[in-house]
Amino acid sequence: MPKKWIEKNKVKSEDIILNRFVNNSWAELPTNVLNIDEENAYYDAVSPGFSFFAISLNIWNILKRLLSMIFQL
């Protein structure tokens, strides 16, 4: 994942998740950040089967961070 995209969209590398399409819906895969270099963040995930995959944001992580900032005020 390009670091420029992560920085431009003001998310953390831990907010990126990989998803698998199964039974007509998207299922989040346990996703790990492997490495971050000057240009990219690298991830891995284990899938129980072959299917379509998507990269997305874990909105719950972002929401928790926002709520903690609001309630600290």
PDB file of N, CA and C in Angstrom:
ATOM      1  N   MET A   1       0.843  -1.142   0.000  1.00  0.00           N
ATOM      2  CA  MET A   1       0.000   0.000   0.000  1.00  0.00           C
ATOM      3  C   MET A   1       0.906   1.228   0.000  1.00  0.00           C
ATOM      4  N   PRO A   2       0.709   2.158  -0.930  1.00  0.00           N
ATOM      5  CA  PRO A   2       1.563   3.347  -0.975  1.00  0.00           C
ATOM      6  C   PRO A   2       1.440   4.198   0.295  1.00  0.00           C
ATOM      7  N   LYS A   3       2.572   4.541   0.882  1.00  0.00           N
ATOM      8  CA  LYS A   3       2.577   5.384   2.074  1.00  0.00           C
ATOM      9  C   LYS A   3       1.971   6.747   1.788  1.00  0.00           C
ATOM     10  N   LYS A   4       2.138   7.236   0.559  1.00  0.00           N
ATOM     11  CA  LYS A   4       1.556   8.531   0.214  1.00  0.00           C
ATOM     12  C   LYS A   4       0.047   8.510   0.395  1.00  0.00           C
ATOM     13  N   TRP A   5      -0.606   7.402   0.007  1.00  0.00           N
ATOM     14  CA  TRP A   5      -2.051   7.298   0.161  1.00  0.00           C
ATOM     15  C   TRP A   5      -2.425   7.294   1.643  1.00  0.00           C
ATOM     16  N   ILE A   6      -1.683   6.534   2.443  1.00  0.00           N
ATOM     17  CA  ILE A   6      -1.951   6.442   3.885  1.00  0.00           C
ATOM     18  C   ILE A   6      -1.826   7.820   4.523  1.00  0.00           C
ATOM     19  N   GLU A   7      -0.754   8.527   4.211  1.00  0.00           N
ATOM     20  CA  GLU A   7      -0.530   9.853   4.786  1.00  0.00           C
ATOM     21  C   GLU A   7      -1.556  10.867   4.282  1.00  0.00           C
ATOM     22  N   LYS A   8      -1.845  10.843   2.992  1.00  0.00           N
ATOM     23  CA  LYS A   8      -2.805  11.783   2.398  1.00  0.00           C
ATOM     24  C   LYS A   8      -4.185  11.634   3.028  1.00  0.00           C
ATOM     25  N   ASN A   9      -4.576  10.404   3.342  1.00  0.00           N
ATOM     26  CA  ASN A   9      -5.894  10.140   3.899  1.00  0.00           C
ATOM     27  C   ASN A   9      -5.913  10.136   5.421  1.00  0.00           C
ATOM     28  N   LYS A  10      -4.771  10.471   6.030  1.00  0.00           N
ATOM     29  CA  LYS A  10      -4.651  10.627   7.483  1.00  0.00           C
ATOM     30  C   LYS A  10      -5.139   9.398   8.268  1.00  0.00           C
ATOM     31  N   VAL A  11      -4.733   8.224   7.782  1.00  0.00           N
ATOM     32  CA  VAL A  11      -5.019   6.986   8.502  1.00  0.00           C
ATOM     33  C   VAL A  11      -3.696   6.382   8.952  1.00  0.00           C
ATOM     34  N   LYS A  12      -3.770   5.408   9.806  1.00  0.00           N
ATOM     35  CA  LYS A  12      -2.574   4.707  10.260  1.00  0.00           C
ATOM     36  C   LYS A  12      -2.437   3.408   9.478  1.00  0.00           C
ATOM     37  N   SER A  13      -1.220   2.934   9.366  1.00  0.00           N
ATOM     38  CA  SER A  13      -1.001   1.692   8.626  1.00  0.00           C
ATOM     39  C   SER A  13      -1.771   0.529   9.251  1.00  0.00           C
ATOM     40  N   GLU A  14      -2.011   0.575  10.564  1.00  0.00           N
ATOM     41  CA  GLU A  14      -2.767  -0.478  11.242  1.00  0.00           C
ATOM     42  C   GLU A  14      -4.254  -0.450  10.888  1.00  0.00           C
ATOM     43  N   ASP A  15      -4.726   0.642  10.287  1.00  0.00           N
ATOM     44  CA  ASP A  15      -6.139   0.757   9.911  1.00  0.00           C
ATOM     45  C   ASP A  15      -6.464   0.019   8.618  1.00  0.00           C
ATOM     46  N   ILE A  16      -5.444  -0.396   7.877  1.00  0.00           N
ATOM     47  CA  ILE A  16      -5.643  -1.091   6.610  1.00  0.00           C
ATOM     48  C   ILE A  16      -5.914  -2.567   6.894  1.00  0.00           C
ATOM     49  N   ILE A  17      -6.950  -3.112   6.250  1.00  0.00           N
ATOM     50  CA  ILE A  17      -7.263  -4.528   6.422  1.00  0.00           C
ATOM     51  C   ILE A  17      -7.494  -5.179   5.060  1.00  0.00           C
ATOM     52  N   LEU A  18      -7.318  -6.486   5.027  1.00  0.00           N
ATOM     53  CA  LEU A  18      -7.603  -7.265   3.826  1.00  0.00           C
ATOM     54  C   LEU A  18      -8.903  -8.031   4.055  1.00  0.00           C
ATOM     55  N   ASN A  19      -9.687  -8.131   2.991  1.00  0.00           N
ATOM     56  CA  ASN A  19     -10.995  -8.771   3.071  1.00  0.00           C
ATOM     57  C   ASN A  19     -11.136  -9.815   1.983  1.00  0.00           C
ATOM     58  N   ARG A  20     -11.951 -10.796   2.262  1.00  0.00           N
ATOM     59  CA  ARG A  20     -12.218 -11.891   1.321  1.00  0.00           C
ATOM     60  C   ARG A  20     -13.715 -11.938   1.052  1.00  0.00           C
ATOM     61  N   PHE A  21     -14.086 -12.119  -0.218  1.00  0.00           N
ATOM     62  CA  PHE A  21     -15.495 -12.215  -0.581  1.00  0.00           C
ATOM     63  C   PHE A  21     -15.930 -13.666  -0.507  1.00  0.00           C
ATOM     64  N   VAL A  22     -16.863 -13.943   0.401  1.00  0.00           N
ATOM     65  CA  VAL A  22     -17.340 -15.311   0.607  1.00  0.00           C
ATOM     66  C   VAL A  22     -18.817 -15.249   1.002  1.00  0.00           C
ATOM     67  N   ASN A  23     -19.623 -16.158   0.454  1.00  0.00           N
ATOM     68  CA  ASN A  23     -21.063 -16.212   0.744  1.00  0.00           C
ATOM     69  C   ASN A  23     -21.752 -14.868   0.511  1.00  0.00           C
ATOM     70  N   ASN A  24     -21.417 -14.224  -0.585  1.00  0.00           N
ATOM     71  CA  ASN A  24     -22.025 -12.951  -0.995  1.00  0.00           C
ATOM     72  C   ASN A  24     -21.795 -11.793  -0.032  1.00  0.00           C
ATOM     73  N   SER A  25     -20.715 -11.845   0.740  1.00  0.00           N
ATOM     74  CA  SER A  25     -20.369 -10.715   1.602  1.00  0.00           C
ATOM     75  C   SER A  25     -18.860 -10.689   1.833  1.00  0.00           C
ATOM     76  N   TRP A  26     -18.393  -9.571   2.347  1.00  0.00           N
ATOM     77  CA  TRP A  26     -16.969  -9.401   2.615  1.00  0.00           C
ATOM     78  C   TRP A  26     -16.662  -9.825   4.042  1.00  0.00           C
ATOM     79  N   ALA A  27     -15.634 -10.637   4.193  1.00  0.00           N
ATOM     80  CA  ALA A  27     -15.194 -11.107   5.505  1.00  0.00           C
ATOM     81  C   ALA A  27     -13.790 -10.574   5.760  1.00  0.00           C
ATOM     82  N   GLU A  28     -13.623  -9.913   6.885  1.00  0.00           N
ATOM     83  CA  GLU A  28     -12.307  -9.372   7.246  1.00  0.00           C
ATOM     84  C   GLU A  28     -11.349 -10.513   7.567  1.00  0.00           C
ATOM     85  N   LEU A  29     -10.139 -10.407   7.044  1.00  0.00           N
ATOM     86  CA  LEU A  29      -9.095 -11.379   7.354  1.00  0.00           C
ATOM     87  C   LEU A  29      -8.166 -10.783   8.403  1.00  0.00           C
ATOM     88  N   PRO A  30      -7.683 -11.585   9.342  1.00  0.00           N
ATOM     89  CA  PRO A  30      -6.680 -11.070  10.282  1.00  0.00           C
ATOM     90  C   PRO A  30      -5.480 -10.558   9.473  1.00  0.00           C
ATOM     91  N   THR A  31      -5.206  -9.278   9.604  1.00  0.00           N
ATOM     92  CA  THR A  31      -4.209  -8.609   8.769  1.00  0.00           C
ATOM     93  C   THR A  31      -3.052  -8.108   9.624  1.00  0.00           C
ATOM     94  N   ASN A  32      -1.844  -8.340   9.159  1.00  0.00           N
ATOM     95  CA  ASN A  32      -0.637  -7.900   9.868  1.00  0.00           C
ATOM     96  C   ASN A  32       0.163  -6.950   8.999  1.00  0.00           C
ATOM     97  N   VAL A  33       0.723  -5.930   9.631  1.00  0.00           N
ATOM     98  CA  VAL A  33       1.662  -5.051   8.944  1.00  0.00           C
ATOM     99  C   VAL A  33       3.014  -5.750   9.004  1.00  0.00           C
ATOM    100  N   LEU A  34       3.568  -6.077   7.840  1.00  0.00           N
ATOM    101  CA  LEU A  34       4.851  -6.780   7.798  1.00  0.00           C
ATOM    102  C   LEU A  34       6.031  -5.832   7.879  1.00  0.00           C
ATOM    103  N   ASN A  35       5.941  -4.755   7.084  1.00  0.00           N
ATOM    104  CA  ASN A  35       7.071  -3.839   6.976  1.00  0.00           C
ATOM    105  C   ASN A  35       6.569  -2.522   6.402  1.00  0.00           C
ATOM    106  N   ILE A  36       7.266  -1.458   6.747  1.00  0.00           N
ATOM    107  CA  ILE A  36       6.991  -0.148   6.162  1.00  0.00           C
ATOM    108  C   ILE A  36       8.331   0.430   5.738  1.00  0.00           C
ATOM    109  N   ASP A  37       8.445   0.754   4.447  1.00  0.00           N
ATOM    110  CA  ASP A  37       9.673   1.389   3.977  1.00  0.00           C
ATOM    111  C   ASP A  37       9.354   2.827   3.560  1.00  0.00           C
ATOM    112  N   GLU A  38      10.225   3.450   2.826  1.00  0.00           N
ATOM    113  CA  GLU A  38      10.030   4.853   2.464  1.00  0.00           C
ATOM    114  C   GLU A  38       8.836   5.071   1.546  1.00  0.00           C
ATOM    115  N   GLU A  39       8.449   4.052   0.784  1.00  0.00           N
ATOM    116  CA  GLU A  39       7.380   4.229  -0.201  1.00  0.00           C
ATOM    117  C   GLU A  39       6.106   3.441   0.079  1.00  0.00           C
ATOM    118  N   ASN A  40       6.204   2.293   0.731  1.00  0.00           N
ATOM    119  CA  ASN A  40       5.052   1.403   0.865  1.00  0.00           C
ATOM    120  C   ASN A  40       4.935   0.793   2.254  1.00  0.00           C
ATOM    121  N   ALA A  41       3.713   0.367   2.575  1.00  0.00           N
ATOM    122  CA  ALA A  41       3.458  -0.475   3.738  1.00  0.00           C
ATOM    123  C   ALA A  41       3.083  -1.851   3.191  1.00  0.00           C
ATOM    124  N   TYR A  42       3.630  -2.885   3.795  1.00  0.00           N
ATOM    125  CA  TYR A  42       3.431  -4.251   3.323  1.00  0.00           C
ATOM    126  C   TYR A  42       2.633  -5.035   4.357  1.00  0.00           C
ATOM    127  N   TYR A  43       1.687  -5.842   3.873  1.00  0.00           N
ATOM    128  CA  TYR A  43       0.764  -6.567   4.735  1.00  0.00           C
ATOM    129  C   TYR A  43       0.733  -8.040   4.367  1.00  0.00           C
ATOM    130  N   ASP A  44       0.259  -8.850   5.316  1.00  0.00           N
ATOM    131  CA  ASP A  44      -0.072 -10.227   4.996  1.00  0.00           C
ATOM    132  C   ASP A  44      -1.337 -10.612   5.741  1.00  0.00           C
ATOM    133  N   ALA A  45      -2.000 -11.626   5.205  1.00  0.00           N
ATOM    134  CA  ALA A  45      -3.206 -12.174   5.816  1.00  0.00           C
ATOM    135  C   ALA A  45      -3.330 -13.618   5.336  1.00  0.00           C
ATOM    136  N   VAL A  46      -3.913 -14.449   6.164  1.00  0.00           N
ATOM    137  CA  VAL A  46      -4.124 -15.844   5.797  1.00  0.00           C
ATOM    138  C   VAL A  46      -5.600 -16.011   5.455  1.00  0.00           C
ATOM    139  N   SER A  47      -5.851 -16.583   4.287  1.00  0.00           N
ATOM    140  CA  SER A  47      -7.215 -16.812   3.843  1.00  0.00           C
ATOM    141  C   SER A  47      -7.525 -18.302   3.885  1.00  0.00           C
ATOM    142  N   PRO A  48      -8.715 -18.660   4.346  1.00  0.00           N
ATOM    143  CA  PRO A  48      -9.072 -20.070   4.384  1.00  0.00           C
ATOM    144  C   PRO A  48      -9.437 -20.647   3.008  1.00  0.00           C
ATOM    145  N   GLY A  49      -9.480 -19.795   1.988  1.00  0.00           N
ATOM    146  CA  GLY A  49      -9.814 -20.284   0.657  1.00  0.00           C
ATOM    147  C   GLY A  49      -9.544 -19.236  -0.402  1.00  0.00           C
ATOM    148  N   PHE A  50      -9.692 -19.646  -1.646  1.00  0.00           N
ATOM    149  CA  PHE A  50      -9.456 -18.760  -2.775  1.00  0.00           C
ATOM    150  C   PHE A  50     -10.733 -17.985  -3.087  1.00  0.00           C
ATOM    151  N   SER A  51     -10.607 -16.669  -3.338  1.00  0.00           N
ATOM    152  CA  SER A  51     -11.768 -15.854  -3.677  1.00  0.00           C
ATOM    153  C   SER A  51     -11.290 -14.490  -4.138  1.00  0.00           C
ATOM    154  N   PHE A  52     -12.226 -13.562  -4.327  1.00  0.00           N
ATOM    155  CA  PHE A  52     -11.864 -12.174  -4.595  1.00  0.00           C
ATOM    156  C   PHE A  52     -11.388 -11.547  -3.292  1.00  0.00           C
ATOM    157  N   PHE A  53     -10.459 -10.588  -3.409  1.00  0.00           N
ATOM    158  CA  PHE A  53      -9.934  -9.910  -2.234  1.00  0.00           C
ATOM    159  C   PHE A  53     -10.038  -8.408  -2.414  1.00  0.00           C
ATOM    160  N   ALA A  54     -10.105  -7.692  -1.287  1.00  0.00           N
ATOM    161  CA  ALA A  54     -10.164  -6.236  -1.322  1.00  0.00           C
ATOM    162  C   ALA A  54      -9.343  -5.681  -0.168  1.00  0.00           C
ATOM    163  N   ILE A  55      -8.816  -4.504  -0.392  1.00  0.00           N
ATOM    164  CA  ILE A  55      -8.105  -3.754   0.643  1.00  0.00           C
ATOM    165  C   ILE A  55      -9.064  -2.672   1.117  1.00  0.00           C
ATOM    166  N   SER A  56      -9.214  -2.531   2.427  1.00  0.00           N
ATOM    167  CA  SER A  56     -10.125  -1.518   2.945  1.00  0.00           C
ATOM    168  C   SER A  56      -9.593  -0.974   4.265  1.00  0.00           C
ATOM    169  N   LEU A  57     -10.382  -0.097   4.865  1.00  0.00           N
ATOM    170  CA  LEU A  57     -10.032   0.481   6.159  1.00  0.00           C
ATOM    171  C   LEU A  57     -10.870  -0.156   7.248  1.00  0.00           C
ATOM    172  N   ASN A  58     -10.257  -0.357   8.401  1.00  0.00           N
ATOM    173  CA  ASN A  58     -10.985  -0.824   9.570  1.00  0.00           C
ATOM    174  C   ASN A  58     -11.603   0.409  10.219  1.00  0.00           C
ATOM    175  N   ILE A  59     -12.831   0.694   9.862  1.00  0.00           N
ATOM    176  CA  ILE A  59     -13.518   1.894  10.335  1.00  0.00           C
ATOM    177  C   ILE A  59     -13.655   1.898  11.846  1.00  0.00           C
ATOM    178  N   TRP A  60     -13.789   0.722  12.470  1.00  0.00           N
ATOM    179  CA  TRP A  60     -13.929   0.654  13.924  1.00  0.00           C
ATOM    180  C   TRP A  60     -12.688   1.181  14.628  1.00  0.00           C
ATOM    181  N   ASN A  61     -11.497   0.879  14.110  1.00  0.00           N
ATOM    182  CA  ASN A  61     -10.270   1.428  14.705  1.00  0.00           C
ATOM    183  C   ASN A  61     -10.268   2.948  14.630  1.00  0.00           C
ATOM    184  N   ILE A  62     -10.644   3.476  13.488  1.00  0.00           N
ATOM    185  CA  ILE A  62     -10.660   4.922  13.289  1.00  0.00           C
ATOM    186  C   ILE A  62     -11.703   5.567  14.193  1.00  0.00           C
ATOM    187  N   LEU A  63     -12.893   4.973  14.276  1.00  0.00           N
ATOM    188  CA  LEU A  63     -13.956   5.503  15.116  1.00  0.00           C
ATOM    189  C   LEU A  63     -13.560   5.504  16.590  1.00  0.00           C
ATOM    190  N   LYS A  64     -12.945   4.419  17.060  1.00  0.00           N
ATOM    191  CA  LYS A  64     -12.496   4.362  18.454  1.00  0.00           C
ATOM    192  C   LYS A  64     -11.492   5.467  18.754  1.00  0.00           C
ATOM    193  N   ARG A  65     -10.570   5.703  17.824  1.00  0.00           N
ATOM    194  CA  ARG A  65      -9.577   6.756  18.012  1.00  0.00           C
ATOM    195  C   ARG A  65     -10.241   8.129  18.075  1.00  0.00           C
ATOM    196  N   LEU A  66     -11.194   8.377  17.184  1.00  0.00           N
ATOM    197  CA  LEU A  66     -11.900   9.655  17.181  1.00  0.00           C
ATOM    198  C   LEU A  66     -12.700   9.860  18.462  1.00  0.00           C
ATOM    199  N   LEU A  67     -13.409   8.827  18.899  1.00  0.00           N
ATOM    200  CA  LEU A  67     -14.178   8.940  20.118  1.00  0.00           C
ATOM    201  C   LEU A  67     -13.304   9.182  21.344  1.00  0.00           C
ATOM    202  N   SER A  68     -12.159   8.521  21.395  1.00  0.00           N
ATOM    203  CA  SER A  68     -11.261   8.753  22.534  1.00  0.00           C
ATOM    204  C   SER A  68     -10.722  10.181  22.531  1.00  0.00           C
ATOM    205  N   MET A  69     -10.496  10.743  21.345  1.00  0.00           N
ATOM    206  CA  MET A  69     -10.038  12.135  21.283  1.00  0.00           C
ATOM    207  C   MET A  69     -11.153  13.094  21.712  1.00  0.00           C
ATOM    208  N   ILE A  70     -12.393  12.799  21.317  1.00  0.00           N
ATOM    209  CA  ILE A  70     -13.519  13.668  21.676  1.00  0.00           C
ATOM    210  C   ILE A  70     -13.746  13.663  23.181  1.00  0.00           C
ATOM    211  N   PHE A  71     -13.725  12.476  23.794  1.00  0.00           N
ATOM    212  CA  PHE A  71     -14.031  12.384  25.205  1.00  0.00           C
ATOM    213  C   PHE A  71     -12.882  12.771  26.117  1.00  0.00           C
ATOM    214  N   GLN A  72     -11.713  12.977  25.566  1.00  0.00           N
ATOM    215  CA  GLN A  72     -10.586  13.469  26.366  1.00  0.00           C
ATOM    216  C   GLN A  72     -10.654  14.984  26.522  1.00  0.00           C
ATOM    217  N   LEU A  73     -11.448  15.641  25.692  1.00  0.00           N
ATOM    218  CA  LEU A  73     -11.550  17.104  25.754  1.00  0.00           C
ATOM    219  C   LEU A  73     -12.239  17.573  26.991  1.00  0.00           C
TER     220      LEU A  73
END
